[in-house]
Amino acid sequence: DGDGDDDGTEETILSDPILEVFTGTRVSRIERRADGGDDGDAAHSAAGGGGKWSLFGTSGTAAYHDTPESAAESALAESGGDVRLGRRDRGDCDRDRDYDAVVLTDASSSFGTWHRASAGVPEDFASRVRERVGARVPLFSAMVAFEGRLDVPFDAISFDDGGGIGGSGSGDDDDDDITKLWFAARSSSKPGMRGDDEGMPSRDCWTLVSTPEYALSKIRETPMRDASTGEFVPQSADYLTSVPGPELERAFREALLTRSGMGDGDDVPGRTDGTMAAAVDPAPSALPETVYLDAQRWGSAMPCHRHLDERSGTRRTVSGVPYDTGRAPLAPTRMEEGRGGAARSEKDDDDDDDATNFLADDDRMLFQAGDMVSGYTPGFEGAAISGMDAAEHILRLLRRDESFFMSGGNQANETRCKR
């Protein structure tokens, strides 16, 4: 409408009676159910064929990624275990609440049961996902709120490897020799995030993103899986706010106070000599006090670039999970050479995983989309293209059976329930 306001698209989608959103819920397992019969003899293993998908979810404390394993198990026991997810307006028949297709967008869903994000994906499909993903790029992020506005002439900046913020960025074991900070953005510069009456935020909030090398060094120090028990080790607030959070904040402060490490002079408005001298008073007192600090671990922040494989010199495996810190340009978005491939419409072989930007098991109507399986440059656009390609493919499959649309996709289920 031209005024920059929300046009209500999200509200329109979420209010559609066909759509049901389960908030605060994690899908803990999926089951393929056979055609016909009742629930007592219809349950198949996840690798079975025929029928529809039943989804089971966990809510509350047990659903959260950061809940300790013992607390999650206790909460799950108290709640009576997983609950079946499905359309609540379809009556009492469980089969009416099942789904024709499942689209996964989190590559961690295909981890083994040790991982909190595991969704019990059929192993043959999960192995295809892991093969396509290859290695993951880990990152840490931090949210820092300063008492007052930082006097810098930019709202976002990328740091080069030299950084002036620690080391060579080599990714080797010596943490002191690893560049910590990759990117920083002023969150309070976003539209609608003004704080006081004069249109300026009362606190200056910045999002800091680590380098992959720094994140990998932290994950190697504190793995996501217990070496002796094999259990998932969630990140704790105590750890995040005492190790990666303060280290990223300190790196940011050092970057603002140094005369080097902010990239070329043209990268920062107001700089004429390639230093920060023209932008920031180098006295420590020039930087406001930190009033809030939090951090987050992204073990699977991005997929690695497609040209990197198991022979990559920057690949490391921690707790059975491959990571790769190899760098390549993230923009512009383009098709990368290596794993992945072009849009399905550009290929003739629908059975070739490398022909698509998503993975598909058409017989079971099971799909994986997202930047982790896309052939494009890692990032939002690659994820969006993957999702659109997957959606178009699913529509083509459904349109092959006109009776699906004529019956609203539920006629067969209604018949079985009446029996």
Protein backbone atom coordinates (compact mmCIF):
# COMPACT_ATOMS: atom_id res chain seq x y z
CA ASP A 1 0.00 0.00 0.00
CA GLY A 2 3.07 2.23 -0.21
CA ASP A 3 3.17 3.40 3.42
CA GLY A 4 5.57 0.70 4.60
CA ASP A 5 3.04 -0.82 6.99
CA ASP A 6 2.33 -4.54 7.27
CA ASP A 7 -0.31 -5.43 4.68
CA GLY A 8 -1.76 -8.17 6.87
CA THR A 9 -0.49 -11.05 4.72
CA GLU A 10 0.76 -13.02 7.70
CA GLU A 11 -2.50 -12.60 9.59
CA THR A 12 -4.45 -13.69 6.51
CA ILE A 13 -2.39 -16.86 6.13
CA LEU A 14 -2.48 -17.75 9.82
CA SER A 15 -6.25 -17.19 10.03
CA ASP A 16 -6.95 -19.63 7.18
CA PRO A 17 -9.13 -22.42 8.66
CA ILE A 18 -7.12 -25.02 6.74
CA LEU A 19 -3.96 -24.09 8.62
CA GLU A 20 -3.27 -25.00 12.21
CA VAL A 21 -0.15 -23.80 14.01
CA PHE A 22 1.16 -25.70 17.03
CA THR A 23 3.10 -23.18 19.06
CA GLY A 24 5.68 -24.25 21.63
CA THR A 25 5.69 -27.73 20.11
CA ARG A 26 8.50 -29.82 18.66
CA VAL A 27 7.78 -32.74 16.30
CA SER A 28 9.45 -35.65 18.06
CA ARG A 29 8.58 -38.48 15.66
CA ILE A 30 6.71 -39.24 12.47
CA GLU A 31 5.03 -42.51 11.49
CA ARG A 32 3.79 -43.76 8.16
CA ARG A 33 0.45 -45.52 8.59
CA ALA A 34 -0.88 -48.24 6.31
CA ASP A 35 -3.92 -47.94 4.07
CA GLY A 36 -7.05 -49.31 5.67
CA GLY A 37 -7.49 -51.01 9.04
CA ASP A 38 -7.76 -49.31 12.38
CA ASP A 39 -5.05 -47.69 14.47
CA GLY A 40 -4.34 -50.86 16.39
CA ASP A 41 -2.89 -52.69 13.39
CA ALA A 42 -2.14 -49.81 11.04
CA ALA A 43 1.05 -48.47 12.56
CA HIS A 44 4.04 -49.11 10.36
CA SER A 45 7.67 -48.47 11.04
CA ALA A 46 8.86 -45.12 9.77
CA ALA A 47 10.39 -46.89 6.79
CA GLY A 48 7.08 -48.44 5.73
CA GLY A 49 5.00 -47.37 2.77
CA GLY A 50 1.38 -46.59 1.97
CA GLY A 51 -1.13 -44.48 3.82
CA LYS A 52 -0.67 -41.14 5.54
CA TRP A 53 1.67 -39.60 8.06
CA SER A 54 0.98 -39.34 11.77
CA LEU A 55 2.92 -36.67 13.61
CA PHE A 56 3.70 -36.74 17.31
CA GLY A 57 4.91 -33.76 19.27
CA THR A 58 6.39 -32.68 22.55
CA SER A 59 5.46 -29.39 24.20
CA GLY A 60 6.49 -27.46 27.27
CA THR A 61 9.91 -27.80 28.87
CA ALA A 62 10.69 -31.05 27.08
CA ALA A 63 10.33 -29.38 23.68
CA TYR A 64 12.98 -26.74 24.14
CA HIS A 65 16.37 -27.25 22.60
CA ASP A 66 18.21 -25.92 25.65
CA THR A 67 16.52 -28.04 28.33
CA PRO A 68 18.94 -30.41 30.09
CA GLU A 69 18.38 -34.06 29.19
CA SER A 70 17.34 -35.10 32.70
CA ALA A 71 14.84 -32.24 32.96
CA ALA A 72 13.42 -33.03 29.51
CA GLU A 73 12.93 -36.70 30.39
CA SER A 74 11.23 -35.78 33.65
CA ALA A 75 8.91 -33.27 31.98
CA LEU A 76 8.02 -35.76 29.27
CA ALA A 77 7.16 -38.42 31.85
CA GLU A 78 4.98 -36.01 33.81
CA SER A 79 3.07 -34.95 30.70
CA GLY A 80 2.34 -38.53 29.69
CA GLY A 81 4.65 -38.59 26.68
CA ASP A 82 4.28 -37.39 23.11
CA VAL A 83 0.90 -36.24 21.83
CA ARG A 84 -0.55 -36.78 18.40
CA LEU A 85 -0.65 -33.66 16.26
CA GLY A 86 -3.33 -32.97 13.69
CA ARG A 87 -6.38 -30.96 12.73
CA ARG A 88 -8.47 -30.58 15.88
CA ASP A 89 -11.63 -29.78 13.92
CA ARG A 90 -11.77 -33.16 12.17
CA GLY A 91 -13.66 -35.04 14.86
CA ASP A 92 -12.55 -37.97 16.99
CA CYS A 93 -11.15 -40.14 14.22
CA ASP A 94 -7.35 -40.16 14.52
CA ARG A 95 -6.96 -41.07 10.88
CA ASP A 96 -8.74 -37.88 9.84
CA ARG A 97 -6.02 -35.93 11.59
CA ASP A 98 -3.15 -37.48 9.62
CA TYR A 99 -1.26 -35.78 6.81
CA ASP A 100 -0.84 -36.59 3.13
CA ALA A 101 2.71 -35.20 2.97
CA VAL A 102 5.48 -34.14 5.32
CA VAL A 103 7.94 -31.37 4.42
CA LEU A 104 10.99 -31.07 6.66
CA THR A 105 12.96 -27.83 6.69
CA ASP A 106 15.39 -28.42 9.57
CA ALA A 107 18.28 -30.63 8.52
CA SER A 108 18.81 -31.54 12.18
CA SER A 109 15.53 -33.47 12.04
CA SER A 110 17.57 -36.20 10.38
CA PHE A 111 20.05 -36.52 13.22
CA GLY A 112 19.94 -39.70 15.29
CA THR A 113 17.73 -39.93 18.35
CA TRP A 114 20.54 -38.54 20.52
CA HIS A 115 19.90 -35.05 19.13
CA ARG A 116 17.05 -32.99 20.60
CA ALA A 117 15.90 -31.92 17.12
CA SER A 118 15.58 -35.50 15.84
CA ALA A 119 12.13 -36.20 14.39
CA GLY A 120 12.48 -39.94 13.84
CA VAL A 121 12.91 -39.51 10.09
CA PRO A 122 13.17 -42.84 8.19
CA GLU A 123 16.86 -43.72 8.16
CA ASP A 124 17.07 -44.28 4.41
CA PHE A 125 15.73 -40.76 3.82
CA ALA A 126 17.71 -39.27 6.71
CA SER A 127 20.93 -40.66 5.24
CA ARG A 128 20.16 -38.93 1.94
CA VAL A 129 19.68 -35.65 3.81
CA ARG A 130 22.97 -36.03 5.67
CA GLU A 131 24.77 -36.89 2.44
CA ARG A 132 23.36 -33.85 0.65
CA VAL A 133 24.07 -31.49 3.56
CA GLY A 134 27.65 -32.66 3.82
CA ALA A 135 29.19 -30.45 6.48
CA ARG A 136 27.62 -27.67 8.51
CA VAL A 137 28.92 -24.18 9.18
CA PRO A 138 28.64 -23.36 12.90
CA LEU A 139 28.23 -19.83 14.25
CA PHE A 140 27.67 -18.11 17.56
CA SER A 141 25.65 -14.92 17.83
CA ALA A 142 25.32 -12.41 20.64
CA MET A 143 22.83 -9.67 21.44
CA VAL A 144 24.42 -6.71 23.17
CA ALA A 145 22.52 -3.67 24.45
CA PHE A 146 24.55 -0.57 25.24
CA GLU A 147 23.39 2.12 27.66
CA GLY A 148 23.60 4.75 24.94
CA ARG A 149 24.04 5.01 21.21
CA LEU A 150 27.43 4.05 19.74
CA ASP A 151 28.90 6.95 17.83
CA VAL A 152 29.69 5.09 14.62
CA PRO A 153 28.63 6.09 11.09
CA PHE A 154 27.20 2.71 10.12
CA ASP A 155 24.43 0.32 11.15
CA ALA A 156 26.08 -2.87 9.89
CA ILE A 157 29.60 -3.98 9.10
CA SER A 158 31.53 -7.08 8.06
CA PHE A 159 35.02 -7.70 9.43
CA ASP A 160 37.93 -9.03 7.44
CA ASP A 161 39.99 -11.97 8.71
CA GLY A 162 42.80 -9.80 10.05
CA GLY A 163 40.20 -8.15 12.18
CA GLY A 164 42.26 -6.36 14.76
CA ILE A 165 40.07 -8.62 16.88
CA GLY A 166 42.29 -11.62 17.25
CA GLY A 167 44.35 -13.74 14.99
CA SER A 168 44.64 -15.25 11.60
CA GLY A 169 41.25 -16.90 11.23
CA SER A 170 42.98 -20.18 10.53
CA GLY A 171 40.50 -22.43 12.36
CA ASP A 172 43.32 -24.33 14.08
CA ASP A 173 43.24 -25.42 17.69
CA ASP A 174 44.84 -22.29 19.19
CA ASP A 175 41.86 -20.20 20.23
CA ASP A 176 44.05 -17.12 20.73
CA ASP A 177 44.91 -17.21 17.03
CA ILE A 178 41.32 -17.31 15.78
CA THR A 179 39.41 -14.29 14.54
CA LYS A 180 36.23 -14.07 16.59
CA LEU A 181 33.92 -11.54 14.95
CA TRP A 182 32.54 -11.77 11.41
CA PHE A 183 29.58 -9.38 11.28
CA ALA A 184 27.76 -6.83 13.43
CA ALA A 185 24.45 -5.01 12.89
CA ARG A 186 22.59 -2.39 14.86
CA SER A 187 19.25 -4.10 15.57
CA SER A 188 17.72 -0.88 16.85
CA SER A 189 18.12 0.70 13.40
CA LYS A 190 15.32 -1.46 12.02
CA PRO A 191 11.97 0.18 11.24
CA GLY A 192 9.60 0.14 14.19
CA MET A 193 12.34 -0.32 16.77
CA ARG A 194 12.62 3.28 17.91
CA GLY A 195 12.54 3.75 21.66
CA ASP A 196 12.09 7.34 22.84
CA ASP A 197 9.88 10.26 21.88
CA GLU A 198 12.51 11.70 19.55
CA GLY A 199 12.60 8.59 17.43
CA MET A 200 15.88 7.24 18.79
CA PRO A 201 16.24 3.97 20.72
CA SER A 202 16.70 4.32 24.46
CA ARG A 203 19.22 1.46 24.27
CA ASP A 204 21.54 0.70 21.37
CA CYS A 205 21.13 -2.99 20.54
CA TRP A 206 23.62 -4.81 18.32
CA THR A 207 23.64 -8.35 16.95
CA LEU A 208 27.11 -9.84 16.70
CA VAL A 209 27.89 -12.90 14.58
CA SER A 210 31.05 -14.93 15.10
CA THR A 211 33.33 -16.39 12.48
CA PRO A 212 32.84 -20.09 11.70
CA GLU A 213 36.39 -20.72 12.95
CA TYR A 214 35.61 -19.28 16.37
CA ALA A 215 32.35 -21.25 16.63
CA LEU A 216 34.08 -24.48 15.70
CA SER A 217 36.74 -23.90 18.36
CA LYS A 218 34.02 -23.44 21.00
CA ILE A 219 32.12 -26.55 19.86
CA ARG A 220 35.32 -28.56 20.05
CA GLU A 221 35.80 -27.29 23.61
CA THR A 222 32.17 -27.94 24.57
CA PRO A 223 30.66 -30.56 22.22
CA MET A 224 26.93 -31.03 21.72
CA ARG A 225 27.16 -34.71 22.70
CA ASP A 226 28.49 -36.30 25.86
CA ALA A 227 31.52 -38.41 24.95
CA SER A 228 30.77 -41.09 27.54
CA THR A 229 26.97 -41.37 27.52
CA GLY A 230 26.21 -40.19 23.98
CA GLU A 231 23.47 -37.88 25.32
CA PHE A 232 22.69 -34.50 23.80
CA VAL A 233 24.36 -31.63 25.67
CA PRO A 234 22.22 -28.49 25.44
CA GLN A 235 23.75 -25.06 25.60
CA SER A 236 23.17 -23.39 28.95
CA ALA A 237 22.55 -19.73 29.69
CA ASP A 238 25.42 -19.77 32.19
CA TYR A 239 27.85 -20.95 29.53
CA LEU A 240 26.57 -18.64 26.80
CA THR A 241 26.72 -15.53 28.96
CA SER A 242 30.10 -16.34 30.48
CA VAL A 243 32.12 -17.58 27.50
CA PRO A 244 31.01 -16.83 23.90
CA GLY A 245 28.82 -13.83 24.75
CA PRO A 246 31.48 -11.81 26.61
CA GLU A 247 34.18 -12.86 24.14
CA LEU A 248 32.18 -11.57 21.17
CA GLU A 249 31.29 -8.37 23.01
CA ARG A 250 34.93 -7.78 23.89
CA ALA A 251 35.95 -8.43 20.28
CA PHE A 252 33.41 -5.86 19.10
CA ARG A 253 34.67 -3.26 21.54
CA GLU A 254 38.25 -3.91 20.50
CA ALA A 255 37.27 -3.56 16.84
CA LEU A 256 35.67 -0.18 17.51
CA LEU A 257 38.72 1.05 19.41
CA THR A 258 41.41 -0.21 17.04
CA ARG A 259 42.83 1.65 14.08
CA SER A 260 42.77 -1.48 11.91
CA GLY A 261 40.67 -4.50 11.12
CA MET A 262 37.48 -2.91 9.84
CA GLY A 263 38.07 -3.74 6.19
CA ASP A 264 39.04 -1.24 3.52
CA GLY A 265 38.46 2.43 4.09
CA ASP A 266 35.65 2.53 1.55
CA ASP A 267 33.66 0.04 3.65
CA VAL A 268 32.90 2.55 6.40
CA PRO A 269 31.25 5.92 5.70
CA GLY A 270 33.27 8.84 7.09
CA ARG A 271 36.60 7.00 6.93
CA THR A 272 39.24 8.42 4.65
CA ASP A 273 42.37 6.60 5.83
CA GLY A 274 41.26 3.00 6.21
CA THR A 275 41.01 3.29 9.99
CA MET A 276 38.33 3.89 12.58
CA ALA A 277 40.04 7.10 13.80
CA ALA A 278 37.58 9.30 11.97
CA ALA A 279 34.59 7.37 13.27
CA VAL A 280 35.21 6.54 16.91
CA ASP A 281 36.99 8.27 19.76
CA PRO A 282 39.70 5.72 20.69
CA ALA A 283 39.27 6.38 24.41
CA PRO A 284 37.50 3.44 26.18
CA SER A 285 35.24 5.94 27.94
CA ALA A 286 33.72 6.73 24.54
CA LEU A 287 31.90 3.38 24.53
CA PRO A 288 28.69 3.15 26.59
CA GLU A 289 28.24 0.54 29.27
CA THR A 290 26.73 -2.83 28.35
CA VAL A 291 23.34 -3.27 30.03
CA TYR A 292 22.28 -6.58 28.45
CA LEU A 293 24.10 -9.54 26.96
CA ASP A 294 22.92 -12.89 25.63
CA ALA A 295 24.29 -15.41 23.16
CA GLN A 296 23.22 -18.38 21.05
CA ARG A 297 24.96 -21.36 19.49
CA TRP A 298 24.04 -22.19 15.89
CA GLY A 299 25.51 -25.63 15.36
CA SER A 300 23.90 -25.76 11.91
CA ALA A 301 23.81 -22.09 10.96
CA MET A 302 24.47 -22.70 7.26
CA PRO A 303 25.49 -25.49 4.92
CA CYS A 304 29.07 -25.43 3.76
CA HIS A 305 29.75 -24.30 0.22
CA ARG A 306 29.03 -27.01 -2.32
CA HIS A 307 32.58 -27.32 -3.64
CA LEU A 308 33.78 -28.45 -0.20
CA ASP A 309 33.73 -32.21 0.36
CA GLU A 310 35.32 -34.72 2.72
CA ARG A 311 38.75 -33.85 1.29
CA SER A 312 38.43 -30.22 2.41
CA GLY A 313 41.33 -28.98 4.52
CA THR A 314 38.96 -26.91 6.65
CA ARG A 315 36.67 -29.80 7.60
CA ARG A 316 36.56 -31.13 11.15
CA THR A 317 34.31 -33.78 12.71
CA VAL A 318 33.08 -33.30 16.29
CA SER A 319 30.85 -35.89 18.01
CA GLY A 320 30.24 -37.52 14.65
CA VAL A 321 29.04 -34.27 13.04
CA PRO A 322 31.11 -32.83 10.16
CA TYR A 323 31.75 -29.08 10.18
CA ASP A 324 33.55 -26.99 7.57
CA THR A 325 34.77 -23.41 7.96
CA GLY A 326 35.84 -22.92 4.35
CA ARG A 327 34.93 -19.50 2.99
CA ALA A 328 33.51 -18.34 -0.34
CA PRO A 329 31.36 -15.33 -1.30
CA LEU A 330 27.80 -15.42 0.06
CA ALA A 331 26.52 -12.89 -2.47
CA PRO A 332 25.19 -12.72 -5.05
CA THR A 333 23.08 -15.85 -4.78
CA ARG A 334 24.09 -18.26 -7.53
CA MET A 335 24.12 -21.95 -8.35
CA GLU A 336 27.28 -23.44 -6.85
CA GLU A 337 29.34 -26.16 -8.45
CA GLY A 338 29.35 -29.42 -6.56
CA ARG A 339 26.53 -31.02 -4.59
CA GLY A 340 22.96 -29.90 -5.26
CA GLY A 341 21.68 -28.83 -8.64
CA ALA A 342 19.34 -26.79 -10.73
CA ALA A 343 15.61 -26.38 -10.42
CA ARG A 344 13.68 -29.58 -11.14
CA SER A 345 12.09 -27.97 -14.18
CA GLU A 346 15.57 -27.72 -15.73
CA LYS A 347 16.23 -31.47 -15.39
CA ASP A 348 14.72 -34.55 -16.95
CA ASP A 349 15.57 -37.13 -14.28
CA ASP A 350 13.18 -36.66 -11.36
CA ASP A 351 14.89 -39.47 -9.44
CA ASP A 352 18.30 -37.77 -9.35
CA ASP A 353 18.89 -36.03 -6.01
CA ASP A 354 21.46 -33.74 -7.64
CA ALA A 355 18.80 -32.55 -10.10
CA THR A 356 16.87 -30.65 -7.45
CA ASN A 357 17.15 -28.03 -4.76
CA PHE A 358 15.27 -30.28 -2.37
CA LEU A 359 15.04 -34.00 -1.59
CA ALA A 360 11.94 -36.07 -2.34
CA ASP A 361 10.53 -39.50 -1.64
CA ASP A 362 7.45 -39.32 -3.83
CA ASP A 363 6.15 -42.75 -2.88
CA ARG A 364 5.96 -41.79 0.79
CA MET A 365 5.29 -38.07 0.17
CA LEU A 366 8.27 -37.13 2.32
CA PHE A 367 10.36 -34.07 1.42
CA GLN A 368 13.30 -32.03 2.70
CA ALA A 369 13.68 -28.38 1.72
CA GLY A 370 15.86 -25.48 2.85
CA ASP A 371 19.26 -23.96 2.18
CA MET A 372 20.94 -27.02 3.69
CA VAL A 373 19.90 -29.08 0.65
CA SER A 374 19.73 -26.32 -1.96
CA GLY A 375 22.32 -26.08 -4.71
CA TYR A 376 22.45 -22.31 -4.36
CA THR A 377 24.75 -20.13 -2.30
CA PRO A 378 24.05 -20.65 1.43
CA GLY A 379 21.54 -18.15 2.74
CA PHE A 380 17.93 -17.02 2.77
CA GLU A 381 17.46 -16.88 -1.01
CA GLY A 382 18.75 -20.43 -1.45
CA ALA A 383 16.31 -21.58 1.23
CA ALA A 384 13.40 -19.74 -0.40
CA ILE A 385 14.14 -21.18 -3.84
CA SER A 386 14.36 -24.67 -2.34
CA GLY A 387 10.98 -24.24 -0.66
CA MET A 388 9.30 -22.96 -3.81
CA ASP A 389 10.73 -25.77 -5.93
CA ALA A 390 9.55 -28.34 -3.39
CA ALA A 391 6.05 -26.79 -3.25
CA GLU A 392 5.70 -26.83 -7.03
CA HIS A 393 6.79 -30.47 -7.14
CA ILE A 394 4.28 -31.49 -4.46
CA LEU A 395 1.47 -29.69 -6.29
CA ARG A 396 2.31 -31.60 -9.46
CA LEU A 397 2.12 -34.88 -7.56
CA LEU A 398 -1.25 -34.03 -6.05
CA ARG A 399 -2.69 -32.85 -9.35
CA ARG A 400 -2.04 -36.26 -10.86
CA ASP A 401 -4.89 -37.52 -8.72
CA GLU A 402 -7.92 -35.35 -9.45
CA SER A 403 -9.92 -37.22 -6.82
CA PHE A 404 -7.64 -35.75 -4.15
CA PHE A 405 -8.86 -32.24 -4.92
CA MET A 406 -12.44 -33.29 -5.71
CA SER A 407 -12.74 -34.80 -2.21
CA GLY A 408 -10.79 -32.11 -0.39
CA GLY A 409 -8.03 -34.65 0.17
CA ASN A 410 -9.96 -36.43 2.89
CA GLN A 411 -12.57 -38.68 1.29
CA ALA A 412 -10.66 -41.93 1.79
CA ASN A 413 -10.09 -41.16 5.44
CA GLU A 414 -13.78 -40.41 6.06
CA THR A 415 -14.73 -43.79 4.55
CA ARG A 416 -12.32 -45.70 6.75
CA CYS A 417 -13.48 -43.92 9.91
CA LYS A 418 -17.13 -44.67 9.21
CA ARG A 419 -16.25 -48.34 9.00
